[in-house]
Amino acid sequence: MLTAVREILARTLDRAAADIAPGARLADDLGVDSLAMVDVVVSLEERFGIAAPPGASPEDLGLVTVRDVARFVAARSPAGGLP
């Protein structure tokens, strides 16, 4: 799950996945703005068949780091669990 999240972030941010650390903070370290976050969420929803609560901000959901995003997806994904 963490690898997939890093790949989605890398594609959205036009970076190498290897440069995206699990503990990297989305906004502060990676520069993820609200528009990029929408792209990330849509990609995660499509890839994993999950739905983020409408109108909830990343902060509302506790999504501060890359690892937080992976945990969020794992908890809602039918496949579940972090590899």
PDB file of N, CA and C in Angstrom:
ATOM      1  N   MET A   1       0.820  -1.188   0.000  1.00  0.00           N
ATOM      2  CA  MET A   1       0.000   0.000   0.000  1.00  0.00           C
ATOM      3  C   MET A   1       0.872   1.263   0.000  1.00  0.00           C
ATOM      4  N   LEU A   2       1.882   1.264   0.830  1.00  0.00           N
ATOM      5  CA  LEU A   2       2.778   2.418   0.917  1.00  0.00           C
ATOM      6  C   LEU A   2       3.464   2.676  -0.429  1.00  0.00           C
ATOM      7  N   THR A   3       3.886   1.628  -1.082  1.00  0.00           N
ATOM      8  CA  THR A   3       4.529   1.771  -2.390  1.00  0.00           C
ATOM      9  C   THR A   3       3.566   2.379  -3.398  1.00  0.00           C
ATOM     10  N   ALA A   4       2.327   1.920  -3.397  1.00  0.00           N
ATOM     11  CA  ALA A   4       1.331   2.441  -4.335  1.00  0.00           C
ATOM     12  C   ALA A   4       1.045   3.916  -4.070  1.00  0.00           C
ATOM     13  N   VAL A   5       0.947   4.293  -2.811  1.00  0.00           N
ATOM     14  CA  VAL A   5       0.708   5.698  -2.460  1.00  0.00           C
ATOM     15  C   VAL A   5       1.888   6.553  -2.909  1.00  0.00           C
ATOM     16  N   ARG A   6       3.093   6.066  -2.687  1.00  0.00           N
ATOM     17  CA  ARG A   6       4.279   6.808  -3.118  1.00  0.00           C
ATOM     18  C   ARG A   6       4.295   6.962  -4.639  1.00  0.00           C
ATOM     19  N   GLU A   7       3.890   5.928  -5.368  1.00  0.00           N
ATOM     20  CA  GLU A   7       3.842   5.998  -6.835  1.00  0.00           C
ATOM     21  C   GLU A   7       2.819   7.028  -7.311  1.00  0.00           C
ATOM     22  N   ILE A   8       1.661   7.068  -6.671  1.00  0.00           N
ATOM     23  CA  ILE A   8       0.631   8.036  -7.037  1.00  0.00           C
ATOM     24  C   ILE A   8       1.112   9.453  -6.747  1.00  0.00           C
ATOM     25  N   LEU A   9       1.715   9.652  -5.587  1.00  0.00           N
ATOM     26  CA  LEU A   9       2.255  10.970  -5.254  1.00  0.00           C
ATOM     27  C   LEU A   9       3.353  11.364  -6.236  1.00  0.00           C
ATOM     28  N   ALA A  10       4.211  10.431  -6.580  1.00  0.00           N
ATOM     29  CA  ALA A  10       5.301  10.712  -7.511  1.00  0.00           C
ATOM     30  C   ALA A  10       4.761  11.152  -8.863  1.00  0.00           C
ATOM     31  N   ARG A  11       3.755  10.453  -9.341  1.00  0.00           N
ATOM     32  CA  ARG A  11       3.162  10.796 -10.643  1.00  0.00           C
ATOM     33  C   ARG A  11       2.489  12.179 -10.569  1.00  0.00           C
ATOM     34  N   THR A  12       1.780  12.442  -9.489  1.00  0.00           N
ATOM     35  CA  THR A  12       1.082  13.718  -9.328  1.00  0.00           C
ATOM     36  C   THR A  12       2.058  14.882  -9.208  1.00  0.00           C
ATOM     37  N   LEU A  13       3.153  14.651  -8.485  1.00  0.00           N
ATOM     38  CA  LEU A  13       4.115  15.716  -8.214  1.00  0.00           C
ATOM     39  C   LEU A  13       5.274  15.750  -9.196  1.00  0.00           C
ATOM     40  N   ASP A  14       5.269  14.829 -10.155  1.00  0.00           N
ATOM     41  CA  ASP A  14       6.333  14.732 -11.152  1.00  0.00           C
ATOM     42  C   ASP A  14       7.703  14.568 -10.478  1.00  0.00           C
ATOM     43  N   ARG A  15       7.787  13.561  -9.615  1.00  0.00           N
ATOM     44  CA  ARG A  15       9.023  13.216  -8.899  1.00  0.00           C
ATOM     45  C   ARG A  15       9.240  11.719  -8.981  1.00  0.00           C
ATOM     46  N   ALA A  16      10.406  11.291  -8.569  1.00  0.00           N
ATOM     47  CA  ALA A  16      10.681   9.863  -8.471  1.00  0.00           C
ATOM     48  C   ALA A  16      10.087   9.341  -7.155  1.00  0.00           C
ATOM     49  N   ALA A  17       9.456   8.181  -7.220  1.00  0.00           N
ATOM     50  CA  ALA A  17       8.873   7.587  -6.016  1.00  0.00           C
ATOM     51  C   ALA A  17       9.934   7.361  -4.944  1.00  0.00           C
ATOM     52  N   ALA A  18      11.143   7.055  -5.363  1.00  0.00           N
ATOM     53  CA  ALA A  18      12.237   6.820  -4.406  1.00  0.00           C
ATOM     54  C   ALA A  18      12.561   8.069  -3.600  1.00  0.00           C
ATOM     55  N   ASP A  19      12.189   9.239  -4.112  1.00  0.00           N
ATOM     56  CA  ASP A  19      12.448  10.499  -3.417  1.00  0.00           C
ATOM     57  C   ASP A  19      11.349  10.871  -2.430  1.00  0.00           C
ATOM     58  N   ILE A  20      10.316  10.042  -2.338  1.00  0.00           N
ATOM     59  CA  ILE A  20       9.187  10.332  -1.452  1.00  0.00           C
ATOM     60  C   ILE A  20       9.252   9.379  -0.257  1.00  0.00           C
ATOM     61  N   ALA A  21       9.704   9.916   0.852  1.00  0.00           N
ATOM     62  CA  ALA A  21       9.879   9.121   2.075  1.00  0.00           C
ATOM     63  C   ALA A  21       8.534   8.891   2.762  1.00  0.00           C
ATOM     64  N   PRO A  22       8.374   7.748   3.404  1.00  0.00           N
ATOM     65  CA  PRO A  22       7.120   7.464   4.106  1.00  0.00           C
ATOM     66  C   PRO A  22       6.763   8.517   5.159  1.00  0.00           C
ATOM     67  N   GLY A  23       7.760   9.085   5.794  1.00  0.00           N
ATOM     68  CA  GLY A  23       7.504  10.081   6.827  1.00  0.00           C
ATOM     69  C   GLY A  23       7.417  11.504   6.318  1.00  0.00           C
ATOM     70  N   ALA A  24       7.528  11.695   5.000  1.00  0.00           N
ATOM     71  CA  ALA A  24       7.474  13.043   4.429  1.00  0.00           C
ATOM     72  C   ALA A  24       6.091  13.649   4.659  1.00  0.00           C
ATOM     73  N   ARG A  25       6.091  14.895   5.085  1.00  0.00           N
ATOM     74  CA  ARG A  25       4.827  15.620   5.285  1.00  0.00           C
ATOM     75  C   ARG A  25       4.337  16.122   3.930  1.00  0.00           C
ATOM     76  N   LEU A  26       3.069  15.882   3.670  1.00  0.00           N
ATOM     77  CA  LEU A  26       2.499  16.188   2.364  1.00  0.00           C
ATOM     78  C   LEU A  26       2.695  17.651   1.976  1.00  0.00           C
ATOM     79  N   ALA A  27       2.262  18.565   2.812  1.00  0.00           N
ATOM     80  CA  ALA A  27       2.345  19.985   2.465  1.00  0.00           C
ATOM     81  C   ALA A  27       3.740  20.542   2.697  1.00  0.00           C
ATOM     82  N   ASP A  28       4.276  20.313   3.872  1.00  0.00           N
ATOM     83  CA  ASP A  28       5.540  20.956   4.245  1.00  0.00           C
ATOM     84  C   ASP A  28       6.752  20.412   3.498  1.00  0.00           C
ATOM     85  N   ASP A  29       6.835  19.106   3.340  1.00  0.00           N
ATOM     86  CA  ASP A  29       8.013  18.504   2.708  1.00  0.00           C
ATOM     87  C   ASP A  29       7.857  18.307   1.201  1.00  0.00           C
ATOM     88  N   LEU A  30       6.639  17.953   0.782  1.00  0.00           N
ATOM     89  CA  LEU A  30       6.425  17.626  -0.632  1.00  0.00           C
ATOM     90  C   LEU A  30       5.757  18.743  -1.421  1.00  0.00           C
ATOM     91  N   GLY A  31       5.242  19.742  -0.733  1.00  0.00           N
ATOM     92  CA  GLY A  31       4.596  20.851  -1.419  1.00  0.00           C
ATOM     93  C   GLY A  31       3.247  20.515  -2.022  1.00  0.00           C
ATOM     94  N   VAL A  32       2.555  19.527  -1.444  1.00  0.00           N
ATOM     95  CA  VAL A  32       1.238  19.152  -1.949  1.00  0.00           C
ATOM     96  C   VAL A  32       0.258  20.263  -1.592  1.00  0.00           C
ATOM     97  N   ASP A  33      -0.313  20.897  -2.617  1.00  0.00           N
ATOM     98  CA  ASP A  33      -1.320  21.924  -2.378  1.00  0.00           C
ATOM     99  C   ASP A  33      -2.708  21.303  -2.540  1.00  0.00           C
ATOM    100  N   SER A  34      -3.740  22.111  -2.388  1.00  0.00           N
ATOM    101  CA  SER A  34      -5.100  21.572  -2.422  1.00  0.00           C
ATOM    102  C   SER A  34      -5.447  20.951  -3.766  1.00  0.00           C
ATOM    103  N   LEU A  35      -4.982  21.525  -4.853  1.00  0.00           N
ATOM    104  CA  LEU A  35      -5.262  20.971  -6.175  1.00  0.00           C
ATOM    105  C   LEU A  35      -4.568  19.627  -6.366  1.00  0.00           C
ATOM    106  N   ALA A  36      -3.316  19.545  -5.959  1.00  0.00           N
ATOM    107  CA  ALA A  36      -2.591  18.274  -6.057  1.00  0.00           C
ATOM    108  C   ALA A  36      -3.242  17.217  -5.172  1.00  0.00           C
ATOM    109  N   MET A  37      -3.734  17.621  -4.002  1.00  0.00           N
ATOM    110  CA  MET A  37      -4.369  16.667  -3.103  1.00  0.00           C
ATOM    111  C   MET A  37      -5.638  16.097  -3.720  1.00  0.00           C
ATOM    112  N   VAL A  38      -6.390  16.924  -4.431  1.00  0.00           N
ATOM    113  CA  VAL A  38      -7.583  16.430  -5.131  1.00  0.00           C
ATOM    114  C   VAL A  38      -7.173  15.359  -6.143  1.00  0.00           C
ATOM    115  N   ASP A  39      -6.116  15.603  -6.905  1.00  0.00           N
ATOM    116  CA  ASP A  39      -5.626  14.617  -7.868  1.00  0.00           C
ATOM    117  C   ASP A  39      -5.216  13.318  -7.178  1.00  0.00           C
ATOM    118  N   VAL A  40      -4.534  13.439  -6.054  1.00  0.00           N
ATOM    119  CA  VAL A  40      -4.093  12.266  -5.305  1.00  0.00           C
ATOM    120  C   VAL A  40      -5.303  11.476  -4.815  1.00  0.00           C
ATOM    121  N   VAL A  41      -6.267  12.159  -4.228  1.00  0.00           N
ATOM    122  CA  VAL A  41      -7.453  11.485  -3.687  1.00  0.00           C
ATOM    123  C   VAL A  41      -8.216  10.774  -4.796  1.00  0.00           C
ATOM    124  N   VAL A  42      -8.413  11.434  -5.925  1.00  0.00           N
ATOM    125  CA  VAL A  42      -9.126  10.808  -7.048  1.00  0.00           C
ATOM    126  C   VAL A  42      -8.371   9.569  -7.525  1.00  0.00           C
ATOM    127  N   SER A  43      -7.066   9.657  -7.632  1.00  0.00           N
ATOM    128  CA  SER A  43      -6.258   8.500  -8.054  1.00  0.00           C
ATOM    129  C   SER A  43      -6.375   7.355  -7.054  1.00  0.00           C
ATOM    130  N   LEU A  44      -6.347   7.672  -5.763  1.00  0.00           N
ATOM    131  CA  LEU A  44      -6.482   6.640  -4.734  1.00  0.00           C
ATOM    132  C   LEU A  44      -7.866   5.996  -4.781  1.00  0.00           C
ATOM    133  N   GLU A  45      -8.891   6.815  -4.963  1.00  0.00           N
ATOM    134  CA  GLU A  45     -10.254   6.283  -5.039  1.00  0.00           C
ATOM    135  C   GLU A  45     -10.403   5.334  -6.232  1.00  0.00           C
ATOM    136  N   GLU A  46      -9.855   5.737  -7.359  1.00  0.00           N
ATOM    137  CA  GLU A  46      -9.957   4.900  -8.563  1.00  0.00           C
ATOM    138  C   GLU A  46      -9.157   3.615  -8.424  1.00  0.00           C
ATOM    139  N   ARG A  47      -7.953   3.713  -7.896  1.00  0.00           N
ATOM    140  CA  ARG A  47      -7.091   2.534  -7.824  1.00  0.00           C
ATOM    141  C   ARG A  47      -7.543   1.524  -6.771  1.00  0.00           C
ATOM    142  N   PHE A  48      -8.040   2.021  -5.635  1.00  0.00           N
ATOM    143  CA  PHE A  48      -8.346   1.129  -4.521  1.00  0.00           C
ATOM    144  C   PHE A  48      -9.830   0.960  -4.243  1.00  0.00           C
ATOM    145  N   GLY A  49     -10.684   1.622  -4.997  1.00  0.00           N
ATOM    146  CA  GLY A  49     -12.118   1.469  -4.798  1.00  0.00           C
ATOM    147  C   GLY A  49     -12.598   2.001  -3.457  1.00  0.00           C
ATOM    148  N   ILE A  50     -12.003   3.074  -3.002  1.00  0.00           N
ATOM    149  CA  ILE A  50     -12.397   3.669  -1.731  1.00  0.00           C
ATOM    150  C   ILE A  50     -13.044   5.022  -2.017  1.00  0.00           C
ATOM    151  N   ALA A  51     -13.639   5.600  -0.982  1.00  0.00           N
ATOM    152  CA  ALA A  51     -14.209   6.936  -1.105  1.00  0.00           C
ATOM    153  C   ALA A  51     -13.831   7.740   0.125  1.00  0.00           C
ATOM    154  N   ALA A  52     -13.273   8.901  -0.118  1.00  0.00           N
ATOM    155  CA  ALA A  52     -12.973   9.814   0.986  1.00  0.00           C
ATOM    156  C   ALA A  52     -14.265  10.524   1.352  1.00  0.00           C
ATOM    157  N   PRO A  53     -14.453  10.829   2.620  1.00  0.00           N
ATOM    158  CA  PRO A  53     -15.667  11.543   3.020  1.00  0.00           C
ATOM    159  C   PRO A  53     -15.767  12.888   2.296  1.00  0.00           C
ATOM    160  N   PRO A  54     -16.914  13.189   1.706  1.00  0.00           N
ATOM    161  CA  PRO A  54     -17.061  14.441   0.970  1.00  0.00           C
ATOM    162  C   PRO A  54     -16.831  15.653   1.881  1.00  0.00           C
ATOM    163  N   GLY A  55     -16.099  16.617   1.369  1.00  0.00           N
ATOM    164  CA  GLY A  55     -15.872  17.852   2.093  1.00  0.00           C
ATOM    165  C   GLY A  55     -14.827  17.795   3.186  1.00  0.00           C
ATOM    166  N   ALA A  56     -14.285  16.632   3.459  1.00  0.00           N
ATOM    167  CA  ALA A  56     -13.267  16.504   4.513  1.00  0.00           C
ATOM    168  C   ALA A  56     -11.913  16.914   3.966  1.00  0.00           C
ATOM    169  N   SER A  57     -11.194  17.695   4.736  1.00  0.00           N
ATOM    170  CA  SER A  57      -9.853  18.102   4.332  1.00  0.00           C
ATOM    171  C   SER A  57      -8.854  17.036   4.778  1.00  0.00           C
ATOM    172  N   PRO A  58      -7.666  17.050   4.194  1.00  0.00           N
ATOM    173  CA  PRO A  58      -6.637  16.099   4.641  1.00  0.00           C
ATOM    174  C   PRO A  58      -6.378  16.211   6.146  1.00  0.00           C
ATOM    175  N   GLU A  59      -6.404  17.427   6.658  1.00  0.00           N
ATOM    176  CA  GLU A  59      -6.178  17.625   8.085  1.00  0.00           C
ATOM    177  C   GLU A  59      -7.309  17.005   8.905  1.00  0.00           C
ATOM    178  N   ASP A  60      -8.554  17.137   8.425  1.00  0.00           N
ATOM    179  CA  ASP A  60      -9.703  16.534   9.106  1.00  0.00           C
ATOM    180  C   ASP A  60      -9.533  15.022   9.213  1.00  0.00           C
ATOM    181  N   LEU A  61      -8.897  14.433   8.208  1.00  0.00           N
ATOM    182  CA  LEU A  61      -8.725  12.982   8.148  1.00  0.00           C
ATOM    183  C   LEU A  61      -7.413  12.509   8.778  1.00  0.00           C
ATOM    184  N   GLY A  62      -6.612  13.448   9.264  1.00  0.00           N
ATOM    185  CA  GLY A  62      -5.333  13.088   9.870  1.00  0.00           C
ATOM    186  C   GLY A  62      -4.268  12.735   8.851  1.00  0.00           C
ATOM    187  N   LEU A  63      -4.396  13.244   7.642  1.00  0.00           N
ATOM    188  CA  LEU A  63      -3.447  12.927   6.573  1.00  0.00           C
ATOM    189  C   LEU A  63      -2.355  13.986   6.526  1.00  0.00           C
ATOM    190  N   VAL A  64      -1.312  13.753   7.277  1.00  0.00           N
ATOM    191  CA  VAL A  64      -0.201  14.692   7.351  1.00  0.00           C
ATOM    192  C   VAL A  64       1.004  14.170   6.577  1.00  0.00           C
ATOM    193  N   THR A  65       1.277  12.877   6.708  1.00  0.00           N
ATOM    194  CA  THR A  65       2.439  12.275   6.063  1.00  0.00           C
ATOM    195  C   THR A  65       2.015  11.260   4.995  1.00  0.00           C
ATOM    196  N   VAL A  66       2.980  10.841   4.219  1.00  0.00           N
ATOM    197  CA  VAL A  66       2.748   9.799   3.213  1.00  0.00           C
ATOM    198  C   VAL A  66       2.249   8.525   3.900  1.00  0.00           C
ATOM    199  N   ARG A  67       2.845   8.172   5.016  1.00  0.00           N
ATOM    200  CA  ARG A  67       2.436   6.981   5.769  1.00  0.00           C
ATOM    201  C   ARG A  67       0.979   7.107   6.243  1.00  0.00           C
ATOM    202  N   ASP A  68       0.565   8.308   6.649  1.00  0.00           N
ATOM    203  CA  ASP A  68      -0.828   8.520   7.051  1.00  0.00           C
ATOM    204  C   ASP A  68      -1.779   8.202   5.906  1.00  0.00           C
ATOM    205  N   VAL A  69      -1.414   8.618   4.709  1.00  0.00           N
ATOM    206  CA  VAL A  69      -2.256   8.355   3.535  1.00  0.00           C
ATOM    207  C   VAL A  69      -2.345   6.851   3.292  1.00  0.00           C
ATOM    208  N   ALA A  70      -1.224   6.150   3.384  1.00  0.00           N
ATOM    209  CA  ALA A  70      -1.219   4.697   3.178  1.00  0.00           C
ATOM    210  C   ALA A  70      -2.093   4.002   4.212  1.00  0.00           C
ATOM    211  N   ARG A  71      -2.016   4.428   5.447  1.00  0.00           N
ATOM    212  CA  ARG A  71      -2.855   3.833   6.506  1.00  0.00           C
ATOM    213  C   ARG A  71      -4.331   4.116   6.266  1.00  0.00           C
ATOM    214  N   PHE A  72      -4.634   5.329   5.846  1.00  0.00           N
ATOM    215  CA  PHE A  72      -6.016   5.717   5.547  1.00  0.00           C
ATOM    216  C   PHE A  72      -6.585   4.814   4.449  1.00  0.00           C
ATOM    217  N   VAL A  73      -5.824   4.640   3.389  1.00  0.00           N
ATOM    218  CA  VAL A  73      -6.269   3.803   2.267  1.00  0.00           C
ATOM    219  C   VAL A  73      -6.400   2.351   2.708  1.00  0.00           C
ATOM    220  N   ALA A  74      -5.422   1.851   3.449  1.00  0.00           N
ATOM    221  CA  ALA A  74      -5.450   0.456   3.892  1.00  0.00           C
ATOM    222  C   ALA A  74      -6.673   0.173   4.759  1.00  0.00           C
ATOM    223  N   ALA A  75      -7.042   1.127   5.590  1.00  0.00           N
ATOM    224  CA  ALA A  75      -8.187   0.934   6.477  1.00  0.00           C
ATOM    225  C   ALA A  75      -9.511   0.900   5.715  1.00  0.00           C
ATOM    226  N   ARG A  76      -9.545   1.489   4.529  1.00  0.00           N
ATOM    227  CA  ARG A  76     -10.783   1.575   3.754  1.00  0.00           C
ATOM    228  C   ARG A  76     -10.812   0.676   2.519  1.00  0.00           C
ATOM    229  N   SER A  77      -9.677   0.125   2.182  1.00  0.00           N
ATOM    230  CA  SER A  77      -9.573  -0.690   0.987  1.00  0.00           C
ATOM    231  C   SER A  77     -10.102  -2.105   1.246  1.00  0.00           C
ATOM    232  N   PRO A  78     -10.804  -2.666   0.263  1.00  0.00           N
ATOM    233  CA  PRO A  78     -11.238  -4.048   0.406  1.00  0.00           C
ATOM    234  C   PRO A  78     -10.064  -5.008   0.632  1.00  0.00           C
ATOM    235  N   ALA A  79      -8.908  -4.686   0.050  1.00  0.00           N
ATOM    236  CA  ALA A  79      -7.730  -5.525   0.239  1.00  0.00           C
ATOM    237  C   ALA A  79      -7.175  -5.348   1.641  1.00  0.00           C
ATOM    238  N   GLY A  80      -7.256  -4.125   2.178  1.00  0.00           N
ATOM    239  CA  GLY A  80      -6.831  -3.813   3.531  1.00  0.00           C
ATOM    240  C   GLY A  80      -5.361  -4.083   3.793  1.00  0.00           C
ATOM    241  N   GLY A  81      -4.890  -3.629   4.910  1.00  0.00           N
ATOM    242  CA  GLY A  81      -3.548  -3.932   5.385  1.00  0.00           C
ATOM    243  C   GLY A  81      -2.420  -3.266   4.638  1.00  0.00           C
ATOM    244  N   LEU A  82      -1.362  -2.996   5.337  1.00  0.00           N
ATOM    245  CA  LEU A  82      -0.140  -2.464   4.752  1.00  0.00           C
ATOM    246  C   LEU A  82       0.816  -3.599   4.473  1.00  0.00           C
ATOM    247  N   PRO A  83       1.431  -3.578   3.310  1.00  0.00           N
ATOM    248  CA  PRO A  83       2.411  -4.639   3.019  1.00  0.00           C
ATOM    249  C   PRO A  83       3.640  -4.498   3.880  1.00  0.00           C
TER     250      PRO A  83
END
